[in-house]
């Protein structure tokens, strides 16, 4: 392999490692942001259970889907992917809210 090719390969490897470090940092930030989000949705679930409110709020969910699809377009992210991601999160949040309602003995619909 010629010296120029070796240098290019080394540069490519360094670039790859740098990009991967950035991805790792972003992944860590996502995990911490999701944890923070779920702490807040846990508090919402507890509030709903105390006041016999239903775990799911279809109107709010529809608003969030529309809002996040718009944000995705602005961010140049596939809005279908953003919607699927949000749907997964919402499903998990509702599951948590239902568990909280069962645990608290809330009499509202579950």
N, C-alpha and C. Protein backbone atom coordinates (compact mmCIF):
# COMPACT_ATOMS: atom_id res chain seq x y z
N UNK A 1 0.86 -1.18 0.00
CA UNK A 1 0.00 0.00 0.00
C UNK A 1 0.90 1.23 0.00
N UNK A 2 0.58 2.18 -0.79
CA UNK A 2 1.37 3.41 -0.90
C UNK A 2 1.19 4.24 0.37
N UNK A 3 2.15 5.12 0.62
CA UNK A 3 2.12 5.96 1.82
C UNK A 3 0.86 6.81 1.85
N UNK A 4 0.48 7.39 0.70
CA UNK A 4 -0.73 8.22 0.64
C UNK A 4 -1.97 7.42 1.03
N UNK A 5 -2.05 6.19 0.55
CA UNK A 5 -3.20 5.35 0.88
C UNK A 5 -3.21 5.01 2.38
N UNK A 6 -2.04 4.78 2.94
CA UNK A 6 -1.95 4.48 4.37
C UNK A 6 -2.41 5.67 5.19
N UNK A 7 -1.96 6.85 4.82
CA UNK A 7 -2.37 8.07 5.53
C UNK A 7 -3.87 8.28 5.40
N UNK A 8 -4.42 8.07 4.20
CA UNK A 8 -5.86 8.22 4.00
C UNK A 8 -6.63 7.21 4.84
N UNK A 9 -6.14 5.99 4.92
CA UNK A 9 -6.80 4.96 5.73
C UNK A 9 -6.76 5.34 7.21
N UNK A 10 -5.64 5.88 7.67
CA UNK A 10 -5.52 6.32 9.06
C UNK A 10 -6.46 7.48 9.33
N UNK A 11 -6.53 8.43 8.41
CA UNK A 11 -7.44 9.57 8.55
C UNK A 11 -8.89 9.09 8.60
N UNK A 12 -9.22 8.16 7.74
CA UNK A 12 -10.58 7.61 7.72
C UNK A 12 -10.90 6.93 9.05
N UNK A 13 -9.94 6.18 9.59
CA UNK A 13 -10.13 5.48 10.86
C UNK A 13 -10.32 6.48 12.00
N UNK A 14 -9.52 7.53 12.02
CA UNK A 14 -9.65 8.57 13.05
C UNK A 14 -10.99 9.28 12.93
N UNK A 15 -11.41 9.55 11.71
CA UNK A 15 -12.71 10.18 11.49
C UNK A 15 -13.83 9.27 11.98
N UNK A 16 -13.72 7.99 11.65
CA UNK A 16 -14.72 7.01 12.09
C UNK A 16 -14.80 6.97 13.62
N UNK A 17 -13.67 6.93 14.28
CA UNK A 17 -13.65 6.89 15.75
C UNK A 17 -14.27 8.16 16.34
N UNK A 18 -13.98 9.30 15.74
CA UNK A 18 -14.57 10.55 16.20
C UNK A 18 -16.08 10.58 16.04
N UNK A 19 -16.54 10.10 14.90
CA UNK A 19 -17.99 10.03 14.67
C UNK A 19 -18.65 9.08 15.66
N UNK A 20 -18.02 7.96 15.91
CA UNK A 20 -18.58 6.99 16.86
C UNK A 20 -18.61 7.55 18.29
N UNK A 21 -17.60 8.32 18.67
CA UNK A 21 -17.61 8.96 19.99
C UNK A 21 -18.80 9.93 20.09
N UNK A 22 -19.03 10.67 19.03
CA UNK A 22 -20.18 11.59 19.01
C UNK A 22 -21.49 10.83 19.12
N UNK A 23 -21.61 9.73 18.38
CA UNK A 23 -22.82 8.91 18.45
C UNK A 23 -23.01 8.36 19.86
N UNK A 24 -21.93 7.89 20.48
CA UNK A 24 -22.01 7.37 21.85
C UNK A 24 -22.49 8.46 22.82
N UNK A 25 -21.98 9.68 22.64
CA UNK A 25 -22.42 10.79 23.50
C UNK A 25 -23.90 11.09 23.29
N UNK A 26 -24.33 11.09 22.06
CA UNK A 26 -25.74 11.35 21.76
C UNK A 26 -26.62 10.24 22.35
N UNK A 27 -26.19 8.99 22.21
CA UNK A 27 -26.95 7.87 22.80
C UNK A 27 -27.08 8.04 24.31
N UNK A 28 -26.00 8.43 24.97
CA UNK A 28 -26.05 8.65 26.42
C UNK A 28 -27.03 9.77 26.75
N UNK A 29 -26.99 10.85 25.99
CA UNK A 29 -27.92 11.96 26.22
C UNK A 29 -29.36 11.52 26.03
N UNK A 30 -29.61 10.71 25.00
CA UNK A 30 -30.97 10.19 24.76
C UNK A 30 -31.46 9.38 25.96
N UNK A 31 -30.60 8.52 26.49
CA UNK A 31 -31.00 7.70 27.63
C UNK A 31 -31.35 8.57 28.83
N UNK A 32 -30.51 9.56 29.11
CA UNK A 32 -30.79 10.45 30.24
C UNK A 32 -32.05 11.27 30.01
N UNK A 33 -32.28 11.71 28.77
CA UNK A 33 -33.50 12.47 28.46
C UNK A 33 -34.74 11.59 28.60
N UNK A 34 -34.64 10.34 28.13
CA UNK A 34 -35.78 9.43 28.29
C UNK A 34 -36.05 9.16 29.77
N UNK A 35 -35.00 8.99 30.55
CA UNK A 35 -35.18 8.77 31.99
C UNK A 35 -35.90 9.96 32.63
N UNK A 36 -35.48 11.16 32.26
CA UNK A 36 -36.12 12.36 32.79
C UNK A 36 -37.58 12.44 32.34
N UNK A 37 -37.82 12.13 31.09
CA UNK A 37 -39.20 12.14 30.58
C UNK A 37 -40.07 11.16 31.35
N UNK A 38 -39.56 9.96 31.59
CA UNK A 38 -40.34 8.96 32.30
C UNK A 38 -40.54 9.32 33.77
N UNK A 39 -39.62 10.05 34.38
CA UNK A 39 -39.87 10.53 35.74
C UNK A 39 -41.08 11.46 35.75
N UNK A 40 -41.17 12.31 34.75
CA UNK A 40 -42.32 13.23 34.68
C UNK A 40 -43.61 12.48 34.35
N UNK A 41 -43.56 11.53 33.42
CA UNK A 41 -44.78 10.80 33.10
C UNK A 41 -45.21 9.92 34.26
N UNK A 42 -44.25 9.48 35.08
CA UNK A 42 -44.59 8.72 36.29
C UNK A 42 -45.40 9.61 37.23
N UNK A 43 -44.97 10.85 37.39
CA UNK A 43 -45.70 11.79 38.23
C UNK A 43 -47.10 12.05 37.67
N UNK A 44 -47.20 12.13 36.34
CA UNK A 44 -48.52 12.30 35.71
C UNK A 44 -49.39 11.08 36.03
N UNK A 45 -48.83 9.89 35.93
CA UNK A 45 -49.59 8.67 36.23
C UNK A 45 -50.08 8.64 37.66
N UNK A 46 -49.24 9.08 38.58
CA UNK A 46 -49.65 9.12 39.99
C UNK A 46 -50.76 10.13 40.21
N UNK A 47 -50.65 11.28 39.56
CA UNK A 47 -51.69 12.30 39.65
C UNK A 47 -53.01 11.78 39.09
N UNK A 48 -52.94 11.14 37.92
CA UNK A 48 -54.15 10.59 37.31
C UNK A 48 -54.78 9.53 38.22
N UNK A 49 -53.97 8.68 38.81
CA UNK A 49 -54.50 7.63 39.68
C UNK A 49 -55.18 8.23 40.91
N UNK A 50 -54.57 9.26 41.51
CA UNK A 50 -55.16 9.90 42.70
C UNK A 50 -56.50 10.53 42.39
N UNK A 51 -56.69 10.96 41.16
CA UNK A 51 -57.92 11.68 40.79
C UNK A 51 -58.81 10.87 39.86
N UNK A 52 -58.59 9.55 39.83
CA UNK A 52 -59.40 8.64 39.02
C UNK A 52 -59.52 9.10 37.56
N UNK A 53 -58.42 9.56 37.01
CA UNK A 53 -58.39 9.96 35.61
C UNK A 53 -57.91 8.77 34.79
N UNK A 54 -58.39 8.62 33.57
CA UNK A 54 -57.97 7.47 32.75
C UNK A 54 -56.48 7.54 32.41
N UNK A 55 -55.83 6.38 32.32
CA UNK A 55 -54.40 6.35 32.01
C UNK A 55 -54.07 6.92 30.63
N UNK A 56 -54.94 6.73 29.67
CA UNK A 56 -54.70 7.20 28.31
C UNK A 56 -55.49 8.49 28.06
N UNK A 57 -54.94 9.34 27.21
CA UNK A 57 -55.59 10.58 26.82
C UNK A 57 -55.44 10.71 25.30
N UNK A 58 -56.36 10.08 24.55
CA UNK A 58 -56.23 10.05 23.09
C UNK A 58 -56.10 11.43 22.44
N UNK A 59 -56.79 12.43 22.98
CA UNK A 59 -56.69 13.78 22.40
C UNK A 59 -55.28 14.33 22.57
N UNK A 60 -54.73 14.17 23.75
CA UNK A 60 -53.35 14.64 24.00
C UNK A 60 -52.36 13.88 23.11
N UNK A 61 -52.57 12.57 22.99
CA UNK A 61 -51.68 11.76 22.17
C UNK A 61 -51.70 12.24 20.71
N UNK A 62 -52.89 12.52 20.19
CA UNK A 62 -53.01 13.00 18.81
C UNK A 62 -52.31 14.34 18.64
N UNK A 63 -52.45 15.23 19.63
CA UNK A 63 -51.76 16.52 19.57
C UNK A 63 -50.25 16.32 19.56
N UNK A 64 -49.76 15.42 20.39
CA UNK A 64 -48.32 15.17 20.47
C UNK A 64 -47.79 14.58 19.16
N UNK A 65 -48.55 13.67 18.57
CA UNK A 65 -48.13 13.08 17.30
C UNK A 65 -48.00 14.17 16.24
N UNK A 66 -49.01 15.01 16.15
CA UNK A 66 -48.98 16.09 15.15
C UNK A 66 -47.81 17.03 15.42
N UNK A 67 -47.61 17.40 16.69
CA UNK A 67 -46.53 18.31 17.05
C UNK A 67 -45.17 17.72 16.73
N UNK A 68 -44.97 16.45 17.09
CA UNK A 68 -43.66 15.83 16.85
C UNK A 68 -43.41 15.56 15.38
N UNK A 69 -44.46 15.30 14.61
CA UNK A 69 -44.27 15.14 13.16
C UNK A 69 -43.78 16.47 12.56
N UNK A 70 -44.36 17.59 13.01
CA UNK A 70 -43.91 18.90 12.53
C UNK A 70 -42.46 19.15 12.94
N UNK A 71 -42.13 18.84 14.20
CA UNK A 71 -40.75 19.01 14.66
C UNK A 71 -39.79 18.16 13.84
N UNK A 72 -40.21 16.94 13.53
CA UNK A 72 -39.36 16.04 12.74
C UNK A 72 -39.08 16.63 11.37
N UNK A 73 -40.10 17.18 10.75
CA UNK A 73 -39.90 17.79 9.43
C UNK A 73 -38.90 18.94 9.54
N UNK A 74 -39.08 19.79 10.56
CA UNK A 74 -38.17 20.91 10.77
C UNK A 74 -36.74 20.43 11.00
N UNK A 75 -36.61 19.32 11.75
CA UNK A 75 -35.29 18.78 12.07
C UNK A 75 -34.72 17.91 10.95
N UNK A 76 -35.48 17.75 9.88
CA UNK A 76 -35.09 16.89 8.75
C UNK A 76 -34.92 15.44 9.19
N UNK A 77 -35.88 14.99 10.00
CA UNK A 77 -35.98 13.60 10.43
C UNK A 77 -37.26 13.05 9.82
N UNK A 78 -37.24 11.81 9.44
CA UNK A 78 -38.41 11.17 8.85
C UNK A 78 -39.58 11.24 9.85
N UNK A 79 -40.66 11.96 9.50
CA UNK A 79 -41.78 12.09 10.43
C UNK A 79 -42.45 10.76 10.75
N UNK A 80 -42.42 9.81 9.82
CA UNK A 80 -42.99 8.49 10.12
C UNK A 80 -42.18 7.79 11.20
N UNK A 81 -40.86 7.92 11.13
CA UNK A 81 -40.01 7.35 12.18
C UNK A 81 -40.31 8.03 13.51
N UNK A 82 -40.41 9.35 13.52
CA UNK A 82 -40.69 10.09 14.75
C UNK A 82 -42.02 9.65 15.35
N UNK A 83 -43.01 9.43 14.50
CA UNK A 83 -44.32 9.00 14.99
C UNK A 83 -44.24 7.59 15.59
N UNK A 84 -43.53 6.70 14.93
CA UNK A 84 -43.36 5.34 15.46
C UNK A 84 -42.64 5.36 16.80
N UNK A 85 -41.61 6.19 16.89
CA UNK A 85 -40.85 6.32 18.13
C UNK A 85 -41.75 6.83 19.25
N UNK A 86 -42.53 7.88 18.95
CA UNK A 86 -43.44 8.43 19.95
C UNK A 86 -44.51 7.41 20.33
N UNK A 87 -45.03 6.67 19.37
CA UNK A 87 -46.05 5.66 19.67
C UNK A 87 -45.51 4.62 20.64
N UNK A 88 -44.26 4.22 20.45
CA UNK A 88 -43.63 3.27 21.37
C UNK A 88 -43.55 3.86 22.78
N UNK A 89 -43.15 5.12 22.87
CA UNK A 89 -43.04 5.77 24.18
C UNK A 89 -44.41 5.90 24.82
N UNK A 90 -45.40 6.34 24.06
CA UNK A 90 -46.75 6.51 24.59
C UNK A 90 -47.29 5.18 25.10
N UNK A 91 -47.09 4.11 24.36
CA UNK A 91 -47.56 2.80 24.78
C UNK A 91 -46.94 2.42 26.13
N UNK A 92 -45.67 2.69 26.28
CA UNK A 92 -44.98 2.37 27.54
C UNK A 92 -45.49 3.25 28.67
N UNK A 93 -45.72 4.53 28.41
CA UNK A 93 -46.25 5.44 29.43
C UNK A 93 -47.62 4.98 29.89
N UNK A 94 -48.49 4.62 28.95
CA UNK A 94 -49.83 4.15 29.31
C UNK A 94 -49.75 2.88 30.14
N UNK A 95 -48.84 1.99 29.77
CA UNK A 95 -48.65 0.76 30.55
C UNK A 95 -48.26 1.11 31.99
N UNK A 96 -47.37 2.08 32.15
CA UNK A 96 -46.98 2.53 33.49
C UNK A 96 -48.17 3.14 34.23
N UNK A 97 -48.94 3.96 33.55
CA UNK A 97 -50.09 4.61 34.18
C UNK A 97 -51.12 3.57 34.61
N UNK A 98 -51.34 2.56 33.80
CA UNK A 98 -52.27 1.50 34.17
C UNK A 98 -51.78 0.75 35.40
N UNK A 99 -50.50 0.48 35.47
CA UNK A 99 -49.92 -0.21 36.62
C UNK A 99 -50.06 0.64 37.88
N UNK A 100 -49.82 1.93 37.76
CA UNK A 100 -49.96 2.84 38.91
C UNK A 100 -51.41 2.86 39.37
N UNK A 101 -52.35 2.92 38.42
CA UNK A 101 -53.78 2.94 38.75
C UNK A 101 -54.18 1.64 39.47
N UNK A 102 -53.70 0.50 38.98
CA UNK A 102 -54.01 -0.77 39.64
C UNK A 102 -53.45 -0.81 41.05
N UNK A 103 -52.22 -0.35 41.18
CA UNK A 103 -51.54 -0.37 42.48
C UNK A 103 -52.26 0.53 43.50
N UNK A 104 -52.75 1.66 43.00
CA UNK A 104 -53.41 2.62 43.91
C UNK A 104 -54.87 2.27 44.16
N UNK A 105 -55.39 1.33 43.37
CA UNK A 105 -56.80 0.97 43.52
C UNK A 105 -57.75 2.00 42.96
N UNK A 106 -57.28 2.78 42.01
CA UNK A 106 -58.13 3.81 41.40
C UNK A 106 -59.35 3.14 40.77
N UNK A 107 -60.48 3.80 40.91
CA UNK A 107 -61.73 3.21 40.42
C UNK A 107 -62.07 3.63 39.01
N UNK A 108 -61.32 4.57 38.44
CA UNK A 108 -61.60 5.04 37.09
C UNK A 108 -61.30 3.99 36.05
N UNK A 109 -61.68 4.23 34.79
CA UNK A 109 -61.43 3.25 33.75
C UNK A 109 -59.93 3.04 33.50
N UNK A 110 -59.56 1.81 33.29
CA UNK A 110 -58.16 1.47 33.06
C UNK A 110 -57.98 0.83 31.77
